[in-house]
Amino acid sequence: MRDIVDGLSAWRAAGVRFAVATVVRTWKSAPRPPGAAMAVCADGEVVGSISGGCVEGAVYE
């Protein structure tokens, strides 16, 4: 989550709407640990990463 704070702060200061997804639990092998976060703003810009794969696509939608 700390790696996206600057992006979130800028969006908030500019009044841009956004959503945040955070990994809260994993099992077996997972590309990112709990606490990894990704945010998508209203115009489609993304900061952060939660998986690097199809999970990010689902969050983006």
PDB file of N, CA and C in Angstrom:
ATOM      1  N   MET A   1       0.823  -1.191   0.000  1.00  0.00           N
ATOM      2  CA  MET A   1       0.000   0.000   0.000  1.00  0.00           C
ATOM      3  C   MET A   1       0.867   1.254   0.000  1.00  0.00           C
ATOM      4  N   ARG A   2       1.973   1.216   0.696  1.00  0.00           N
ATOM      5  CA  ARG A   2       2.824   2.406   0.788  1.00  0.00           C
ATOM      6  C   ARG A   2       3.341   2.849  -0.572  1.00  0.00           C
ATOM      7  N   ASP A   3       3.469   1.908  -1.508  1.00  0.00           N
ATOM      8  CA  ASP A   3       4.016   2.255  -2.819  1.00  0.00           C
ATOM      9  C   ASP A   3       3.036   3.044  -3.685  1.00  0.00           C
ATOM     10  N   ILE A   4       1.760   3.132  -3.294  1.00  0.00           N
ATOM     11  CA  ILE A   4       0.791   3.891  -4.095  1.00  0.00           C
ATOM     12  C   ILE A   4       0.293   5.157  -3.407  1.00  0.00           C
ATOM     13  N   VAL A   5       0.796   5.435  -2.226  1.00  0.00           N
ATOM     14  CA  VAL A   5       0.317   6.590  -1.452  1.00  0.00           C
ATOM     15  C   VAL A   5       0.483   7.901  -2.210  1.00  0.00           C
ATOM     16  N   ASP A   6       1.616   8.099  -2.870  1.00  0.00           N
ATOM     17  CA  ASP A   6       1.823   9.357  -3.593  1.00  0.00           C
ATOM     18  C   ASP A   6       0.773   9.550  -4.690  1.00  0.00           C
ATOM     19  N   GLY A   7       0.485   8.488  -5.429  1.00  0.00           N
ATOM     20  CA  GLY A   7      -0.535   8.568  -6.477  1.00  0.00           C
ATOM     21  C   GLY A   7      -1.912   8.845  -5.908  1.00  0.00           C
ATOM     22  N   LEU A   8      -2.249   8.181  -4.818  1.00  0.00           N
ATOM     23  CA  LEU A   8      -3.557   8.402  -4.186  1.00  0.00           C
ATOM     24  C   LEU A   8      -3.668   9.824  -3.644  1.00  0.00           C
ATOM     25  N   SER A   9      -2.594  10.309  -3.058  1.00  0.00           N
ATOM     26  CA  SER A   9      -2.603  11.684  -2.519  1.00  0.00           C
ATOM     27  C   SER A   9      -2.822  12.707  -3.628  1.00  0.00           C
ATOM     28  N   ALA A  10      -2.172  12.491  -4.767  1.00  0.00           N
ATOM     29  CA  ALA A  10      -2.333  13.421  -5.893  1.00  0.00           C
ATOM     30  C   ALA A  10      -3.761  13.384  -6.421  1.00  0.00           C
ATOM     31  N   TRP A  11      -4.307  12.189  -6.565  1.00  0.00           N
ATOM     32  CA  TRP A  11      -5.689  12.081  -7.041  1.00  0.00           C
ATOM     33  C   TRP A  11      -6.650  12.748  -6.068  1.00  0.00           C
ATOM     34  N   ARG A  12      -6.458  12.504  -4.790  1.00  0.00           N
ATOM     35  CA  ARG A  12      -7.357  13.086  -3.782  1.00  0.00           C
ATOM     36  C   ARG A  12      -7.269  14.615  -3.806  1.00  0.00           C
ATOM     37  N   ALA A  13      -6.071  15.151  -3.891  1.00  0.00           N
ATOM     38  CA  ALA A  13      -5.890  16.605  -3.928  1.00  0.00           C
ATOM     39  C   ALA A  13      -6.542  17.217  -5.158  1.00  0.00           C
ATOM     40  N   ALA A  14      -6.561  16.452  -6.266  1.00  0.00           N
ATOM     41  CA  ALA A  14      -7.160  16.942  -7.506  1.00  0.00           C
ATOM     42  C   ALA A  14      -8.661  16.659  -7.576  1.00  0.00           C
ATOM     43  N   GLY A  15      -9.193  15.980  -6.566  1.00  0.00           N
ATOM     44  CA  GLY A  15     -10.627  15.663  -6.557  1.00  0.00           C
ATOM     45  C   GLY A  15     -11.007  14.529  -7.496  1.00  0.00           C
ATOM     46  N   VAL A  16     -10.038  13.691  -7.842  1.00  0.00           N
ATOM     47  CA  VAL A  16     -10.286  12.571  -8.756  1.00  0.00           C
ATOM     48  C   VAL A  16     -10.845  11.390  -7.965  1.00  0.00           C
ATOM     49  N   ARG A  17     -11.892  10.784  -8.503  1.00  0.00           N
ATOM     50  CA  ARG A  17     -12.478   9.598  -7.867  1.00  0.00           C
ATOM     51  C   ARG A  17     -11.624   8.387  -8.203  1.00  0.00           C
ATOM     52  N   PHE A  18     -11.489   7.446  -7.235  1.00  0.00           N
ATOM     53  CA  PHE A  18     -10.704   6.246  -7.460  1.00  0.00           C
ATOM     54  C   PHE A  18     -11.181   5.121  -6.553  1.00  0.00           C
ATOM     55  N   ALA A  19     -10.770   3.917  -6.893  1.00  0.00           N
ATOM     56  CA  ALA A  19     -11.057   2.730  -6.083  1.00  0.00           C
ATOM     57  C   ALA A  19      -9.735   2.034  -5.795  1.00  0.00           C
ATOM     58  N   VAL A  20      -9.652   1.412  -4.629  1.00  0.00           N
ATOM     59  CA  VAL A  20      -8.437   0.713  -4.215  1.00  0.00           C
ATOM     60  C   VAL A  20      -8.770  -0.757  -3.951  1.00  0.00           C
ATOM     61  N   ALA A  21      -7.922  -1.647  -4.467  1.00  0.00           N
ATOM     62  CA  ALA A  21      -8.027  -3.081  -4.188  1.00  0.00           C
ATOM     63  C   ALA A  21      -6.776  -3.485  -3.422  1.00  0.00           C
ATOM     64  N   THR A  22      -6.948  -4.270  -2.367  1.00  0.00           N
ATOM     65  CA  THR A  22      -5.827  -4.688  -1.533  1.00  0.00           C
ATOM     66  C   THR A  22      -5.859  -6.197  -1.341  1.00  0.00           C
ATOM     67  N   VAL A  23      -4.710  -6.850  -1.480  1.00  0.00           N
ATOM     68  CA  VAL A  23      -4.602  -8.283  -1.205  1.00  0.00           C
ATOM     69  C   VAL A  23      -4.700  -8.454   0.304  1.00  0.00           C
ATOM     70  N   VAL A  24      -5.689  -9.232   0.751  1.00  0.00           N
ATOM     71  CA  VAL A  24      -5.873  -9.434   2.185  1.00  0.00           C
ATOM     72  C   VAL A  24      -5.468 -10.828   2.644  1.00  0.00           C
ATOM     73  N   ARG A  25      -5.413 -11.783   1.694  1.00  0.00           N
ATOM     74  CA  ARG A  25      -5.032 -13.141   2.061  1.00  0.00           C
ATOM     75  C   ARG A  25      -4.563 -13.863   0.817  1.00  0.00           C
ATOM     76  N   THR A  26      -3.604 -14.760   0.982  1.00  0.00           N
ATOM     77  CA  THR A  26      -3.152 -15.612  -0.119  1.00  0.00           C
ATOM     78  C   THR A  26      -3.037 -17.037   0.384  1.00  0.00           C
ATOM     79  N   TRP A  27      -2.966 -17.974  -0.550  1.00  0.00           N
ATOM     80  CA  TRP A  27      -2.694 -19.360  -0.212  1.00  0.00           C
ATOM     81  C   TRP A  27      -1.894 -19.961  -1.354  1.00  0.00           C
ATOM     82  N   LYS A  28      -1.158 -20.977  -1.044  1.00  0.00           N
ATOM     83  CA  LYS A  28      -0.220 -21.582  -1.995  1.00  0.00           C
ATOM     84  C   LYS A  28       0.681 -20.502  -2.569  1.00  0.00           C
ATOM     85  N   SER A  29       1.020 -20.585  -3.839  1.00  0.00           N
ATOM     86  CA  SER A  29       1.895 -19.552  -4.395  1.00  0.00           C
ATOM     87  C   SER A  29       1.054 -18.374  -4.868  1.00  0.00           C
ATOM     88  N   ALA A  30       1.550 -17.190  -4.611  1.00  0.00           N
ATOM     89  CA  ALA A  30       0.857 -15.964  -5.014  1.00  0.00           C
ATOM     90  C   ALA A  30       1.918 -14.958  -5.444  1.00  0.00           C
ATOM     91  N   PRO A  31       1.645 -14.203  -6.510  1.00  0.00           N
ATOM     92  CA  PRO A  31       2.650 -13.260  -6.989  1.00  0.00           C
ATOM     93  C   PRO A  31       2.894 -12.064  -6.070  1.00  0.00           C
ATOM     94  N   ARG A  32       1.905 -11.698  -5.276  1.00  0.00           N
ATOM     95  CA  ARG A  32       2.057 -10.544  -4.383  1.00  0.00           C
ATOM     96  C   ARG A  32       1.581 -10.934  -2.990  1.00  0.00           C
ATOM     97  N   PRO A  33       2.212 -10.413  -1.950  1.00  0.00           N
ATOM     98  CA  PRO A  33       1.844 -10.752  -0.575  1.00  0.00           C
ATOM     99  C   PRO A  33       0.646  -9.935  -0.083  1.00  0.00           C
ATOM    100  N   PRO A  34       0.042 -10.361   1.037  1.00  0.00           N
ATOM    101  CA  PRO A  34      -0.997  -9.533   1.643  1.00  0.00           C
ATOM    102  C   PRO A  34      -0.468  -8.122   1.880  1.00  0.00           C
ATOM    103  N   GLY A  35      -1.316  -7.140   1.627  1.00  0.00           N
ATOM    104  CA  GLY A  35      -0.933  -5.741   1.767  1.00  0.00           C
ATOM    105  C   GLY A  35      -0.635  -5.076   0.436  1.00  0.00           C
ATOM    106  N   ALA A  36      -0.372  -5.879  -0.614  1.00  0.00           N
ATOM    107  CA  ALA A  36      -0.149  -5.300  -1.940  1.00  0.00           C
ATOM    108  C   ALA A  36      -1.435  -4.594  -2.371  1.00  0.00           C
ATOM    109  N   ALA A  37      -1.287  -3.452  -3.040  1.00  0.00           N
ATOM    110  CA  ALA A  37      -2.464  -2.668  -3.406  1.00  0.00           C
ATOM    111  C   ALA A  37      -2.360  -2.113  -4.815  1.00  0.00           C
ATOM    112  N   MET A  38      -3.522  -1.865  -5.381  1.00  0.00           N
ATOM    113  CA  MET A  38      -3.658  -1.287  -6.716  1.00  0.00           C
ATOM    114  C   MET A  38      -4.833  -0.332  -6.675  1.00  0.00           C
ATOM    115  N   ALA A  39      -4.714   0.784  -7.360  1.00  0.00           N
ATOM    116  CA  ALA A  39      -5.817   1.744  -7.428  1.00  0.00           C
ATOM    117  C   ALA A  39      -6.068   2.111  -8.881  1.00  0.00           C
ATOM    118  N   VAL A  40      -7.335   2.347  -9.194  1.00  0.00           N
ATOM    119  CA  VAL A  40      -7.753   2.765 -10.528  1.00  0.00           C
ATOM    120  C   VAL A  40      -8.560   4.043 -10.361  1.00  0.00           C
ATOM    121  N   CYS A  41      -8.187   5.086 -11.119  1.00  0.00           N
ATOM    122  CA  CYS A  41      -8.936   6.334 -11.019  1.00  0.00           C
ATOM    123  C   CYS A  41     -10.004   6.385 -12.112  1.00  0.00           C
ATOM    124  N   ALA A  42     -10.843   7.383 -12.034  1.00  0.00           N
ATOM    125  CA  ALA A  42     -11.997   7.496 -12.924  1.00  0.00           C
ATOM    126  C   ALA A  42     -11.627   7.543 -14.402  1.00  0.00           C
ATOM    127  N   ASP A  43     -10.450   8.066 -14.744  1.00  0.00           N
ATOM    128  CA  ASP A  43     -10.069   8.123 -16.165  1.00  0.00           C
ATOM    129  C   ASP A  43      -9.293   6.893 -16.628  1.00  0.00           C
ATOM    130  N   GLY A  44      -9.157   5.883 -15.742  1.00  0.00           N
ATOM    131  CA  GLY A  44      -8.534   4.620 -16.120  1.00  0.00           C
ATOM    132  C   GLY A  44      -7.070   4.481 -15.777  1.00  0.00           C
ATOM    133  N   GLU A  45      -6.453   5.508 -15.229  1.00  0.00           N
ATOM    134  CA  GLU A  45      -5.046   5.412 -14.824  1.00  0.00           C
ATOM    135  C   GLU A  45      -4.925   4.456 -13.639  1.00  0.00           C
ATOM    136  N   VAL A  46      -3.851   3.676 -13.612  1.00  0.00           N
ATOM    137  CA  VAL A  46      -3.629   2.679 -12.566  1.00  0.00           C
ATOM    138  C   VAL A  46      -2.319   2.965 -11.854  1.00  0.00           C
ATOM    139  N   VAL A  47      -2.316   2.793 -10.530  1.00  0.00           N
ATOM    140  CA  VAL A  47      -1.084   2.805  -9.755  1.00  0.00           C
ATOM    141  C   VAL A  47      -1.051   1.529  -8.921  1.00  0.00           C
ATOM    142  N   GLY A  48       0.132   0.966  -8.772  1.00  0.00           N
ATOM    143  CA  GLY A  48       0.289  -0.230  -7.962  1.00  0.00           C
ATOM    144  C   GLY A  48       0.007  -1.501  -8.726  1.00  0.00           C
ATOM    145  N   SER A  49       0.083  -2.615  -8.004  1.00  0.00           N
ATOM    146  CA  SER A  49      -0.109  -3.931  -8.601  1.00  0.00           C
ATOM    147  C   SER A  49      -0.550  -4.912  -7.526  1.00  0.00           C
ATOM    148  N   ILE A  50      -1.478  -5.788  -7.884  1.00  0.00           N
ATOM    149  CA  ILE A  50      -1.891  -6.821  -6.939  1.00  0.00           C
ATOM    150  C   ILE A  50      -1.582  -8.226  -7.431  1.00  0.00           C
ATOM    151  N   SER A  51      -1.310  -8.375  -8.740  1.00  0.00           N
ATOM    152  CA  SER A  51      -1.013  -9.725  -9.226  1.00  0.00           C
ATOM    153  C   SER A  51      -0.143  -9.766 -10.460  1.00  0.00           C
ATOM    154  N   GLY A  52      -0.215  -8.765 -11.303  1.00  0.00           N
ATOM    155  CA  GLY A  52       0.527  -8.803 -12.556  1.00  0.00           C
ATOM    156  C   GLY A  52      -0.124  -9.691 -13.594  1.00  0.00           C
ATOM    157  N   GLY A  53      -1.367 -10.079 -13.380  1.00  0.00           N
ATOM    158  CA  GLY A  53      -2.030 -10.975 -14.325  1.00  0.00           C
ATOM    159  C   GLY A  53      -3.514 -10.699 -14.444  1.00  0.00           C
ATOM    160  N   CYS A  54      -4.280 -11.789 -14.593  1.00  0.00           N
ATOM    161  CA  CYS A  54      -5.711 -11.666 -14.864  1.00  0.00           C
ATOM    162  C   CYS A  54      -6.488 -11.046 -13.708  1.00  0.00           C
ATOM    163  N   VAL A  55      -5.994 -11.164 -12.487  1.00  0.00           N
ATOM    164  CA  VAL A  55      -6.694 -10.563 -11.350  1.00  0.00           C
ATOM    165  C   VAL A  55      -6.729  -9.045 -11.506  1.00  0.00           C
ATOM    166  N   GLU A  56      -5.632  -8.460 -11.957  1.00  0.00           N
ATOM    167  CA  GLU A  56      -5.606  -7.012 -12.171  1.00  0.00           C
ATOM    168  C   GLU A  56      -6.606  -6.595 -13.225  1.00  0.00           C
ATOM    169  N   GLY A  57      -6.757  -7.394 -14.274  1.00  0.00           N
ATOM    170  CA  GLY A  57      -7.747  -7.087 -15.304  1.00  0.00           C
ATOM    171  C   GLY A  57      -9.154  -7.069 -14.734  1.00  0.00           C
ATOM    172  N   ALA A  58      -9.449  -8.014 -13.852  1.00  0.00           N
ATOM    173  CA  ALA A  58     -10.773  -8.072 -13.232  1.00  0.00           C
ATOM    174  C   ALA A  58     -11.006  -6.859 -12.340  1.00  0.00           C
ATOM    175  N   VAL A  59     -10.000  -6.460 -11.590  1.00  0.00           N
ATOM    176  CA  VAL A  59     -10.117  -5.282 -10.731  1.00  0.00           C
ATOM    177  C   VAL A  59     -10.324  -4.045 -11.580  1.00  0.00           C
ATOM    178  N   TYR A  60      -9.582  -3.945 -12.678  1.00  0.00           N
ATOM    179  CA  TYR A  60      -9.686  -2.789 -13.556  1.00  0.00           C
ATOM    180  C   TYR A  60     -11.106  -2.644 -14.104  1.00  0.00           C
ATOM    181  N   GLU A  61     -11.710  -3.750 -14.479  1.00  0.00           N
ATOM    182  CA  GLU A  61     -13.096  -3.714 -14.983  1.00  0.00           C
ATOM    183  C   GLU A  61     -14.033  -3.248 -13.900  1.00  0.00           C
TER     184      GLU A  61
END
